[in-house]
Amino acid sequence: MAFQKTSVLTSKNSITYNSSAEWIAEHGNCGTTYPEVTNWTITADGTNAVTRVMQFATEADAATVAARPGLGDSVRTWTTVHSHTGLVEV
């Protein structure tokens, strides 16, 4: 059993993204490269937002990633518009 968290990330600029590669080139991997993340996707839809899905082996792994300090809004070039409030077992 794995745990999954889904978030919608929105760019702070007006650039639109047609692929995950375009988003990652502009904003980086957005937390998907932590060792606790076992699988992930970033899906672009042609807008200035993407959907990020991260999977974790355990609920504790997800909590470890969530507890890490981020860059902060003054440095980060994107913001989380919507984040699933809990983990979903998959």
C-alpha atoms as a PDB file:
ATOM      1  CA  MET A   1       0.000   0.000   0.000  1.00  0.00           C
ATOM      2  CA  ALA A   2       1.286   3.480  -0.872  1.00  0.00           C
ATOM      3  CA  PHE A   3       0.179   6.977   0.027  1.00  0.00           C
ATOM      4  CA  GLN A   4      -0.440   9.718  -2.530  1.00  0.00           C
ATOM      5  CA  LYS A   5      -0.648  13.508  -2.295  1.00  0.00           C
ATOM      6  CA  THR A   6      -2.010  15.648  -5.135  1.00  0.00           C
ATOM      7  CA  SER A   7      -1.391  19.398  -5.417  1.00  0.00           C
ATOM      8  CA  VAL A   8      -2.144  22.064  -8.009  1.00  0.00           C
ATOM      9  CA  LEU A   9       0.841  24.386  -8.401  1.00  0.00           C
ATOM     10  CA  THR A  10       0.399  27.760 -10.096  1.00  0.00           C
ATOM     11  CA  SER A  11       3.184  29.870 -11.571  1.00  0.00           C
ATOM     12  CA  LYS A  12       3.553  33.431 -10.333  1.00  0.00           C
ATOM     13  CA  ASN A  13       4.062  34.589 -13.928  1.00  0.00           C
ATOM     14  CA  SER A  14       1.774  34.479 -16.959  1.00  0.00           C
ATOM     15  CA  ILE A  15       3.757  31.813 -18.839  1.00  0.00           C
ATOM     16  CA  THR A  16       1.723  28.782 -19.894  1.00  0.00           C
ATOM     17  CA  TYR A  17       3.088  25.239 -19.852  1.00  0.00           C
ATOM     18  CA  ASN A  18       2.268  22.531 -22.368  1.00  0.00           C
ATOM     19  CA  SER A  19       4.517  19.860 -20.839  1.00  0.00           C
ATOM     20  CA  SER A  20       6.019  18.874 -17.521  1.00  0.00           C
ATOM     21  CA  ALA A  21       9.476  19.464 -19.040  1.00  0.00           C
ATOM     22  CA  GLU A  22       8.601  23.135 -19.624  1.00  0.00           C
ATOM     23  CA  TRP A  23       7.408  23.524 -16.009  1.00  0.00           C
ATOM     24  CA  ILE A  24      10.476  21.772 -14.554  1.00  0.00           C
ATOM     25  CA  ALA A  25      12.836  23.880 -16.691  1.00  0.00           C
ATOM     26  CA  GLU A  26      11.249  27.028 -15.237  1.00  0.00           C
ATOM     27  CA  HIS A  27      10.496  25.970 -11.641  1.00  0.00           C
ATOM     28  CA  GLY A  28      12.555  22.867 -10.849  1.00  0.00           C
ATOM     29  CA  ASN A  29      11.262  19.524  -9.588  1.00  0.00           C
ATOM     30  CA  CYS A  30       9.078  21.057  -6.828  1.00  0.00           C
ATOM     31  CA  GLY A  31       9.877  18.497  -4.143  1.00  0.00           C
ATOM     32  CA  THR A  32       9.603  15.401  -6.308  1.00  0.00           C
ATOM     33  CA  THR A  33      13.261  14.374  -5.936  1.00  0.00           C
ATOM     34  CA  TYR A  34      13.277  13.753  -2.176  1.00  0.00           C
ATOM     35  CA  PRO A  35      14.317  10.167  -1.417  1.00  0.00           C
ATOM     36  CA  GLU A  36      10.990   9.494   0.337  1.00  0.00           C
ATOM     37  CA  VAL A  37       9.078  10.096  -2.922  1.00  0.00           C
ATOM     38  CA  THR A  38       8.705   6.726  -4.638  1.00  0.00           C
ATOM     39  CA  ASN A  39       6.816   7.901  -7.722  1.00  0.00           C
ATOM     40  CA  TRP A  40       5.657  11.247  -9.053  1.00  0.00           C
ATOM     41  CA  THR A  41       4.097  13.044 -11.987  1.00  0.00           C
ATOM     42  CA  ILE A  42       3.759  16.667 -12.982  1.00  0.00           C
ATOM     43  CA  THR A  43       1.007  17.178 -15.546  1.00  0.00           C
ATOM     44  CA  ALA A  44       0.690  20.393 -17.543  1.00  0.00           C
ATOM     45  CA  ASP A  45      -2.572  21.442 -19.189  1.00  0.00           C
ATOM     46  CA  GLY A  46      -1.595  24.483 -21.251  1.00  0.00           C
ATOM     47  CA  THR A  47      -2.299  26.971 -18.449  1.00  0.00           C
ATOM     48  CA  ASN A  48       0.057  28.526 -15.908  1.00  0.00           C
ATOM     49  CA  ALA A  49      -0.701  25.667 -13.467  1.00  0.00           C
ATOM     50  CA  VAL A  50       0.280  22.000 -13.221  1.00  0.00           C
ATOM     51  CA  THR A  51      -0.942  19.060 -11.165  1.00  0.00           C
ATOM     52  CA  ARG A  52       1.755  17.390  -9.057  1.00  0.00           C
ATOM     53  CA  VAL A  53       1.161  13.890  -7.701  1.00  0.00           C
ATOM     54  CA  MET A  54       3.668  12.374  -5.288  1.00  0.00           C
ATOM     55  CA  GLN A  55       3.562   8.848  -3.876  1.00  0.00           C
ATOM     56  CA  PHE A  56       5.181   7.645  -0.658  1.00  0.00           C
ATOM     57  CA  ALA A  57       5.721   4.144   0.736  1.00  0.00           C
ATOM     58  CA  THR A  58       4.498   5.170   4.186  1.00  0.00           C
ATOM     59  CA  GLU A  59       2.510   7.912   5.826  1.00  0.00           C
ATOM     60  CA  ALA A  60       5.648   8.743   7.852  1.00  0.00           C
ATOM     61  CA  ASP A  61       7.593   9.373   4.619  1.00  0.00           C
ATOM     62  CA  ALA A  62       4.914  11.826   3.477  1.00  0.00           C
ATOM     63  CA  ALA A  63       5.066  13.606   6.836  1.00  0.00           C
ATOM     64  CA  THR A  64       8.864  13.863   6.590  1.00  0.00           C
ATOM     65  CA  VAL A  65       8.616  15.603   3.218  1.00  0.00           C
ATOM     66  CA  ALA A  66       5.787  17.875   4.391  1.00  0.00           C
ATOM     67  CA  ALA A  67       7.850  18.954   7.404  1.00  0.00           C
ATOM     68  CA  ARG A  68      10.831  20.075   5.341  1.00  0.00           C
ATOM     69  CA  PRO A  69      11.201  23.839   5.042  1.00  0.00           C
ATOM     70  CA  GLY A  70      10.613  25.177   1.550  1.00  0.00           C
ATOM     71  CA  LEU A  71      12.151  28.128  -0.216  1.00  0.00           C
ATOM     72  CA  GLY A  72       9.365  30.432   0.929  1.00  0.00           C
ATOM     73  CA  ASP A  73       7.081  32.562  -1.180  1.00  0.00           C
ATOM     74  CA  SER A  74       9.623  35.368  -1.587  1.00  0.00           C
ATOM     75  CA  VAL A  75      11.996  33.035  -3.474  1.00  0.00           C
ATOM     76  CA  ARG A  76       9.702  30.384  -4.939  1.00  0.00           C
ATOM     77  CA  THR A  77       8.391  31.082  -8.443  1.00  0.00           C
ATOM     78  CA  TRP A  78       5.160  29.109  -7.924  1.00  0.00           C
ATOM     79  CA  THR A  79       2.492  28.730  -5.282  1.00  0.00           C
ATOM     80  CA  THR A  80       0.258  25.861  -4.169  1.00  0.00           C
ATOM     81  CA  VAL A  81      -3.290  26.795  -5.086  1.00  0.00           C
ATOM     82  CA  HIS A  82      -4.910  23.561  -3.970  1.00  0.00           C
ATOM     83  CA  SER A  83      -3.459  20.662  -2.055  1.00  0.00           C
ATOM     84  CA  HIS A  84      -5.300  17.529  -1.104  1.00  0.00           C
ATOM     85  CA  THR A  85      -5.644  17.861   2.662  1.00  0.00           C
ATOM     86  CA  GLY A  86      -4.854  14.261   3.417  1.00  0.00           C
ATOM     87  CA  LEU A  87      -3.113  11.311   1.944  1.00  0.00           C
ATOM     88  CA  VAL A  88      -4.946   8.807  -0.201  1.00  0.00           C
ATOM     89  CA  GLU A  89      -4.083   5.137   0.005  1.00  0.00           C
ATOM     90  CA  VAL A  90      -3.317   3.753  -3.442  1.00  0.00           C
END
